[in-house]
């Protein structure tokens, strides 16, 4: 185990701007950004994989990226 490596996380979830419905995605997007900043403040690297429910994602590309 490499104890000198920086910790990192992968955040997987819905893109708040691409989830249909009559709600404001702004507060959710702001909360995600705030939490990503918390990871950075603690020296934790972050990769995000946010996808929509609107059918616009290239599923094969997303799955390939996660491998």
PDB file of N, CA and C in Angstrom:
ATOM      1  N   UNK A   1       0.842  -1.182   0.000  1.00  0.00           N
ATOM      2  CA  UNK A   1       0.000   0.000   0.000  1.00  0.00           C
ATOM      3  C   UNK A   1       0.883   1.240   0.000  1.00  0.00           C
ATOM      4  N   UNK A   2       0.605   2.170  -0.898  1.00  0.00           N
ATOM      5  CA  UNK A   2       1.382   3.403  -1.006  1.00  0.00           C
ATOM      6  C   UNK A   2       0.840   4.422  -0.007  1.00  0.00           C
ATOM      7  N   UNK A   3       1.568   4.627   1.087  1.00  0.00           N
ATOM      8  CA  UNK A   3       1.094   5.555   2.113  1.00  0.00           C
ATOM      9  C   UNK A   3       1.419   6.999   1.781  1.00  0.00           C
ATOM     10  N   UNK A   4       2.224   7.236   0.734  1.00  0.00           N
ATOM     11  CA  UNK A   4       2.564   8.598   0.338  1.00  0.00           C
ATOM     12  C   UNK A   4       1.577   9.175  -0.670  1.00  0.00           C
ATOM     13  N   UNK A   5       0.707   8.361  -1.214  1.00  0.00           N
ATOM     14  CA  UNK A   5      -0.248   8.835  -2.215  1.00  0.00           C
ATOM     15  C   UNK A   5      -1.305   9.724  -1.560  1.00  0.00           C
ATOM     16  N   UNK A   6      -1.715  10.743  -2.291  1.00  0.00           N
ATOM     17  CA  UNK A   6      -2.784  11.612  -1.802  1.00  0.00           C
ATOM     18  C   UNK A   6      -4.112  10.873  -1.877  1.00  0.00           C
ATOM     19  N   UNK A   7      -4.958  11.063  -0.879  1.00  0.00           N
ATOM     20  CA  UNK A   7      -6.264  10.405  -0.940  1.00  0.00           C
ATOM     21  C   UNK A   7      -7.128  11.021  -2.039  1.00  0.00           C
ATOM     22  N   UNK A   8      -8.037  10.238  -2.547  1.00  0.00           N
ATOM     23  CA  UNK A   8      -8.935  10.734  -3.581  1.00  0.00           C
ATOM     24  C   UNK A   8     -10.270  10.027  -3.520  1.00  0.00           C
ATOM     25  N   UNK A   9     -11.283  10.691  -4.032  1.00  0.00           N
ATOM     26  CA  UNK A   9     -12.623  10.116  -4.064  1.00  0.00           C
ATOM     27  C   UNK A   9     -13.238  10.326  -5.443  1.00  0.00           C
ATOM     28  N   UNK A  10     -14.185   9.470  -5.759  1.00  0.00           N
ATOM     29  CA  UNK A  10     -14.987   9.606  -6.971  1.00  0.00           C
ATOM     30  C   UNK A  10     -16.420   9.862  -6.526  1.00  0.00           C
ATOM     31  N   UNK A  11     -16.952  11.002  -6.915  1.00  0.00           N
ATOM     32  CA  UNK A  11     -18.327  11.368  -6.572  1.00  0.00           C
ATOM     33  C   UNK A  11     -19.209  11.029  -7.768  1.00  0.00           C
ATOM     34  N   UNK A  12     -20.173  10.144  -7.560  1.00  0.00           N
ATOM     35  CA  UNK A  12     -21.089   9.721  -8.618  1.00  0.00           C
ATOM     36  C   UNK A  12     -22.495  10.144  -8.216  1.00  0.00           C
ATOM     37  N   UNK A  13     -23.192  10.784  -9.145  1.00  0.00           N
ATOM     38  CA  UNK A  13     -24.559  11.184  -8.824  1.00  0.00           C
ATOM     39  C   UNK A  13     -25.236  11.893  -9.976  1.00  0.00           C
ATOM     40  N   UNK A  14     -26.386  12.435  -9.692  1.00  0.00           N
ATOM     41  CA  UNK A  14     -27.171  13.130 -10.701  1.00  0.00           C
ATOM     42  C   UNK A  14     -26.675  14.562 -10.890  1.00  0.00           C
ATOM     43  N   UNK A  15     -26.639  15.000 -12.140  1.00  0.00           N
ATOM     44  CA  UNK A  15     -26.356  16.396 -12.462  1.00  0.00           C
ATOM     45  C   UNK A  15     -27.645  17.168 -12.172  1.00  0.00           C
ATOM     46  N   UNK A  16     -27.640  18.072 -11.209  1.00  0.00           N
ATOM     47  CA  UNK A  16     -28.889  18.737 -10.835  1.00  0.00           C
ATOM     48  C   UNK A  16     -29.517  19.550 -11.965  1.00  0.00           C
ATOM     49  N   UNK A  17     -28.719  19.921 -12.951  1.00  0.00           N
ATOM     50  CA  UNK A  17     -29.251  20.692 -14.077  1.00  0.00           C
ATOM     51  C   UNK A  17     -29.903  19.810 -15.140  1.00  0.00           C
ATOM     52  N   UNK A  18     -29.747  18.495 -15.012  1.00  0.00           N
ATOM     53  CA  UNK A  18     -30.297  17.590 -16.019  1.00  0.00           C
ATOM     54  C   UNK A  18     -31.265  16.566 -15.430  1.00  0.00           C
ATOM     55  N   UNK A  19     -31.897  16.944 -14.338  1.00  0.00           N
ATOM     56  CA  UNK A  19     -32.959  16.130 -13.748  1.00  0.00           C
ATOM     57  C   UNK A  19     -34.263  16.887 -13.981  1.00  0.00           C
ATOM     58  N   UNK A  20     -35.175  16.308 -14.751  1.00  0.00           N
ATOM     59  CA  UNK A  20     -36.413  17.024 -15.057  1.00  0.00           C
ATOM     60  C   UNK A  20     -37.269  17.277 -13.817  1.00  0.00           C
ATOM     61  N   UNK A  21     -38.004  18.340 -13.870  1.00  0.00           N
ATOM     62  CA  UNK A  21     -38.918  18.647 -12.777  1.00  0.00           C
ATOM     63  C   UNK A  21     -39.025  20.138 -12.545  1.00  0.00           C
ATOM     64  N   UNK A  22     -40.036  20.527 -11.836  1.00  0.00           N
ATOM     65  CA  UNK A  22     -40.282  21.955 -11.599  1.00  0.00           C
ATOM     66  C   UNK A  22     -39.577  22.482 -10.349  1.00  0.00           C
ATOM     67  N   UNK A  23     -38.297  22.299 -10.274  1.00  0.00           N
ATOM     68  CA  UNK A  23     -37.556  22.778  -9.104  1.00  0.00           C
ATOM     69  C   UNK A  23     -36.304  23.503  -9.571  1.00  0.00           C
ATOM     70  N   UNK A  24     -35.753  24.290  -8.689  1.00  0.00           N
ATOM     71  CA  UNK A  24     -34.552  25.068  -8.981  1.00  0.00           C
ATOM     72  C   UNK A  24     -33.326  24.200  -8.689  1.00  0.00           C
ATOM     73  N   UNK A  25     -32.505  23.897  -9.697  1.00  0.00           N
ATOM     74  CA  UNK A  25     -31.321  23.070  -9.463  1.00  0.00           C
ATOM     75  C   UNK A  25     -30.183  23.827  -8.777  1.00  0.00           C
ATOM     76  N   UNK A  26     -30.285  25.143  -8.706  1.00  0.00           N
ATOM     77  CA  UNK A  26     -29.211  25.959  -8.146  1.00  0.00           C
ATOM     78  C   UNK A  26     -28.753  25.565  -6.757  1.00  0.00           C
ATOM     79  N   UNK A  27     -29.651  25.428  -5.783  1.00  0.00           N
ATOM     80  CA  UNK A  27     -29.204  25.073  -4.433  1.00  0.00           C
ATOM     81  C   UNK A  27     -28.474  23.729  -4.367  1.00  0.00           C
ATOM     82  N   UNK A  28     -28.919  22.761  -5.150  1.00  0.00           N
ATOM     83  CA  UNK A  28     -28.247  21.456  -5.156  1.00  0.00           C
ATOM     84  C   UNK A  28     -26.856  21.598  -5.769  1.00  0.00           C
ATOM     85  N   UNK A  29     -26.762  22.318  -6.880  1.00  0.00           N
ATOM     86  CA  UNK A  29     -25.466  22.530  -7.527  1.00  0.00           C
ATOM     87  C   UNK A  29     -24.509  23.276  -6.597  1.00  0.00           C
ATOM     88  N   UNK A  30     -25.016  24.277  -5.888  1.00  0.00           N
ATOM     89  CA  UNK A  30     -24.186  25.023  -4.940  1.00  0.00           C
ATOM     90  C   UNK A  30     -23.708  24.126  -3.800  1.00  0.00           C
ATOM     91  N   UNK A  31     -24.564  23.239  -3.327  1.00  0.00           N
ATOM     92  CA  UNK A  31     -24.181  22.317  -2.251  1.00  0.00           C
ATOM     93  C   UNK A  31     -23.101  21.351  -2.724  1.00  0.00           C
ATOM     94  N   UNK A  32     -23.230  20.866  -3.948  1.00  0.00           N
ATOM     95  CA  UNK A  32     -22.205  19.972  -4.500  1.00  0.00           C
ATOM     96  C   UNK A  32     -20.872  20.703  -4.574  1.00  0.00           C
ATOM     97  N   UNK A  33     -20.875  21.921  -5.098  1.00  0.00           N
ATOM     98  CA  UNK A  33     -19.635  22.703  -5.202  1.00  0.00           C
ATOM     99  C   UNK A  33     -19.022  22.964  -3.829  1.00  0.00           C
ATOM    100  N   UNK A  34     -19.855  23.254  -2.842  1.00  0.00           N
ATOM    101  CA  UNK A  34     -19.351  23.503  -1.488  1.00  0.00           C
ATOM    102  C   UNK A  34     -18.681  22.259  -0.915  1.00  0.00           C
ATOM    103  N   UNK A  35     -19.279  21.112  -1.144  1.00  0.00           N
ATOM    104  CA  UNK A  35     -18.689  19.873  -0.627  1.00  0.00           C
ATOM    105  C   UNK A  35     -17.408  19.509  -1.371  1.00  0.00           C
ATOM    106  N   UNK A  36     -17.356  19.775  -2.669  1.00  0.00           N
ATOM    107  CA  UNK A  36     -16.117  19.540  -3.418  1.00  0.00           C
ATOM    108  C   UNK A  36     -15.006  20.433  -2.881  1.00  0.00           C
ATOM    109  N   UNK A  37     -15.347  21.658  -2.514  1.00  0.00           N
ATOM    110  CA  UNK A  37     -14.365  22.574  -1.930  1.00  0.00           C
ATOM    111  C   UNK A  37     -13.871  22.055  -0.581  1.00  0.00           C
ATOM    112  N   UNK A  38     -14.746  21.409   0.180  1.00  0.00           N
ATOM    113  CA  UNK A  38     -14.337  20.824   1.463  1.00  0.00           C
ATOM    114  C   UNK A  38     -13.300  19.722   1.256  1.00  0.00           C
ATOM    115  N   UNK A  39     -13.528  18.878   0.262  1.00  0.00           N
ATOM    116  CA  UNK A  39     -12.527  17.850  -0.045  1.00  0.00           C
ATOM    117  C   UNK A  39     -11.184  18.511  -0.346  1.00  0.00           C
ATOM    118  N   UNK A  40     -11.204  19.519  -1.208  1.00  0.00           N
ATOM    119  CA  UNK A  40      -9.968  20.207  -1.597  1.00  0.00           C
ATOM    120  C   UNK A  40      -9.290  20.844  -0.385  1.00  0.00           C
ATOM    121  N   UNK A  41     -10.072  21.433   0.502  1.00  0.00           N
ATOM    122  CA  UNK A  41      -9.517  22.076   1.693  1.00  0.00           C
ATOM    123  C   UNK A  41      -8.794  21.084   2.593  1.00  0.00           C
ATOM    124  N   UNK A  42      -9.180  19.822   2.510  1.00  0.00           N
ATOM    125  CA  UNK A  42      -8.554  18.778   3.321  1.00  0.00           C
ATOM    126  C   UNK A  42      -7.524  17.972   2.534  1.00  0.00           C
ATOM    127  N   UNK A  43      -7.186  18.447   1.330  1.00  0.00           N
ATOM    128  CA  UNK A  43      -6.159  17.782   0.534  1.00  0.00           C
ATOM    129  C   UNK A  43      -6.607  16.494  -0.127  1.00  0.00           C
ATOM    130  N   UNK A  44      -7.904  16.347  -0.317  1.00  0.00           N
ATOM    131  CA  UNK A  44      -8.443  15.140  -0.941  1.00  0.00           C
ATOM    132  C   UNK A  44      -8.795  15.459  -2.391  1.00  0.00           C
ATOM    133  N   UNK A  45      -8.208  14.715  -3.311  1.00  0.00           N
ATOM    134  CA  UNK A  45      -8.522  14.898  -4.725  1.00  0.00           C
ATOM    135  C   UNK A  45      -9.908  14.365  -5.044  1.00  0.00           C
ATOM    136  N   UNK A  46     -10.584  15.020  -5.972  1.00  0.00           N
ATOM    137  CA  UNK A  46     -11.954  14.631  -6.309  1.00  0.00           C
ATOM    138  C   UNK A  46     -12.129  14.543  -7.819  1.00  0.00           C
ATOM    139  N   UNK A  47     -12.768  13.481  -8.250  1.00  0.00           N
ATOM    140  CA  UNK A  47     -13.252  13.345  -9.627  1.00  0.00           C
ATOM    141  C   UNK A  47     -14.762  13.221  -9.519  1.00  0.00           C
ATOM    142  N   UNK A  48     -15.480  13.850 -10.436  1.00  0.00           N
ATOM    143  CA  UNK A  48     -16.935  13.740 -10.409  1.00  0.00           C
ATOM    144  C   UNK A  48     -17.446  13.052 -11.662  1.00  0.00           C
ATOM    145  N   UNK A  49     -18.515  12.331 -11.496  1.00  0.00           N
ATOM    146  CA  UNK A  49     -19.234  11.704 -12.599  1.00  0.00           C
ATOM    147  C   UNK A  49     -20.712  11.980 -12.342  1.00  0.00           C
ATOM    148  N   UNK A  50     -21.158  13.134 -12.847  1.00  0.00           N
ATOM    149  CA  UNK A  50     -22.551  13.523 -12.672  1.00  0.00           C
ATOM    150  C   UNK A  50     -23.280  13.280 -13.982  1.00  0.00           C
ATOM    151  N   UNK A  51     -24.393  12.596 -13.903  1.00  0.00           N
ATOM    152  CA  UNK A  51     -25.136  12.265 -15.118  1.00  0.00           C
ATOM    153  C   UNK A  51     -26.577  12.729 -14.973  1.00  0.00           C
ATOM    154  N   UNK A  52     -27.248  12.837 -16.105  1.00  0.00           N
ATOM    155  CA  UNK A  52     -28.614  13.340 -16.106  1.00  0.00           C
ATOM    156  C   UNK A  52     -29.641  12.248 -16.284  1.00  0.00           C
ATOM    157  N   UNK A  53     -30.869  12.621 -16.049  1.00  0.00           N
ATOM    158  CA  UNK A  53     -31.991  11.722 -16.283  1.00  0.00           C
ATOM    159  C   UNK A  53     -32.719  12.116 -17.561  1.00  0.00           C
ATOM    160  N   UNK A  54     -32.096  12.996 -18.345  1.00  0.00           N
ATOM    161  CA  UNK A  54     -32.738  13.502 -19.549  1.00  0.00           C
ATOM    162  C   UNK A  54     -32.382  12.703 -20.799  1.00  0.00           C
ATOM    163  N   UNK A  55     -31.592  11.645 -20.638  1.00  0.00           N
ATOM    164  CA  UNK A  55     -31.245  10.786 -21.767  1.00  0.00           C
ATOM    165  C   UNK A  55     -30.141  11.302 -22.658  1.00  0.00           C
ATOM    166  N   UNK A  56     -29.467  12.366 -22.271  1.00  0.00           N
ATOM    167  CA  UNK A  56     -28.448  12.960 -23.134  1.00  0.00           C
ATOM    168  C   UNK A  56     -27.041  12.403 -22.920  1.00  0.00           C
ATOM    169  N   UNK A  57     -26.849  11.548 -21.935  1.00  0.00           N
ATOM    170  CA  UNK A  57     -25.511  11.003 -21.679  1.00  0.00           C
ATOM    171  C   UNK A  57     -25.161   9.909 -22.674  1.00  0.00           C
ATOM    172  N   UNK A  58     -23.890   9.842 -23.013  1.00  0.00           N
ATOM    173  CA  UNK A  58     -23.352   8.731 -23.791  1.00  0.00           C
ATOM    174  C   UNK A  58     -22.956   7.671 -22.763  1.00  0.00           C
ATOM    175  N   UNK A  59     -23.831   6.724 -22.521  1.00  0.00           N
ATOM    176  CA  UNK A  59     -23.644   5.743 -21.450  1.00  0.00           C
ATOM    177  C   UNK A  59     -22.335   4.981 -21.616  1.00  0.00           C
ATOM    178  N   UNK A  60     -22.020   4.564 -22.820  1.00  0.00           N
ATOM    179  CA  UNK A  60     -20.773   3.821 -23.052  1.00  0.00           C
ATOM    180  C   UNK A  60     -19.560   4.667 -22.675  1.00  0.00           C
ATOM    181  N   UNK A  61     -19.582   5.947 -22.981  1.00  0.00           N
ATOM    182  CA  UNK A  61     -18.461   6.828 -22.636  1.00  0.00           C
ATOM    183  C   UNK A  61     -18.337   6.991 -21.125  1.00  0.00           C
ATOM    184  N   UNK A  62     -19.462   7.138 -20.445  1.00  0.00           N
ATOM    185  CA  UNK A  62     -19.432   7.289 -18.984  1.00  0.00           C
ATOM    186  C   UNK A  62     -18.901   6.027 -18.331  1.00  0.00           C
ATOM    187  N   UNK A  63     -19.395   4.881 -18.741  1.00  0.00           N
ATOM    188  CA  UNK A  63     -18.938   3.612 -18.173  1.00  0.00           C
ATOM    189  C   UNK A  63     -17.466   3.393 -18.498  1.00  0.00           C
ATOM    190  N   UNK A  64     -17.055   3.711 -19.703  1.00  0.00           N
ATOM    191  CA  UNK A  64     -15.648   3.574 -20.085  1.00  0.00           C
ATOM    192  C   UNK A  64     -14.748   4.469 -19.265  1.00  0.00           C
ATOM    193  N   UNK A  65     -15.219   5.678 -18.969  1.00  0.00           N
ATOM    194  CA  UNK A  65     -14.425   6.615 -18.182  1.00  0.00           C
ATOM    195  C   UNK A  65     -14.233   6.095 -16.764  1.00  0.00           C
ATOM    196  N   UNK A  66     -15.236   5.406 -16.228  1.00  0.00           N
ATOM    197  CA  UNK A  66     -15.156   4.905 -14.859  1.00  0.00           C
ATOM    198  C   UNK A  66     -14.226   3.709 -14.712  1.00  0.00           C
ATOM    199  N   UNK A  67     -13.909   3.055 -15.804  1.00  0.00           N
ATOM    200  CA  UNK A  67     -13.058   1.853 -15.710  1.00  0.00           C
ATOM    201  C   UNK A  67     -11.652   2.188 -15.430  1.00  0.00           C
TER     202      UNK A  67
END
